[in-house]
């Protein structure tokens, strides 16, 4: 993190270098949810320590796409869920075509619930499909952040900033 990169380039570097390494490990190493959240928290903490994110700034804005006014950081927990579901879909789709995939799928079916990718993916898919008050509140927060950013961008487009004062166009 100690570099001369600006915040935008640091976020791009994290997205390009760190997240793919983690995604590769998600299917190989068993990760507990607490570990994933801790990793996400550590990234945010380091961004704050190196003055690339203000301590009181909105956390949801970090994960909103850059085109929508956010910072464009990938949420590690969401990347984990996506990767586990993709691996399970691959195993379920290709187990008849490839003998090695068939061996992996049969091994996965004998694993306990917490270590099985297929069972974890089924649990994750079920959690995502069920309406949840906590996830609804988080989605509302993200939608509110996007709306505020959209209003700011529209306002910025109508206003000319010149020498510290604003002039309506």
Foldseek 3Di string as FASTA:
>chain_A
DPDPDALLVVLVCCVVPVLVVLLVCLVPDQDDPVRLVVVQVVVVVVCCVVVNDPPPDDPLLCCDCVVLPGSNHPRSSVSSLVSLLVVLVCLVVCLVPDVVSVVVVVVLVPDPQRPRSNNVNVVSVVVVVDDDPVVVVVVVVNVVVSVVSVVVVVVPVQWDDDPNDIDGD
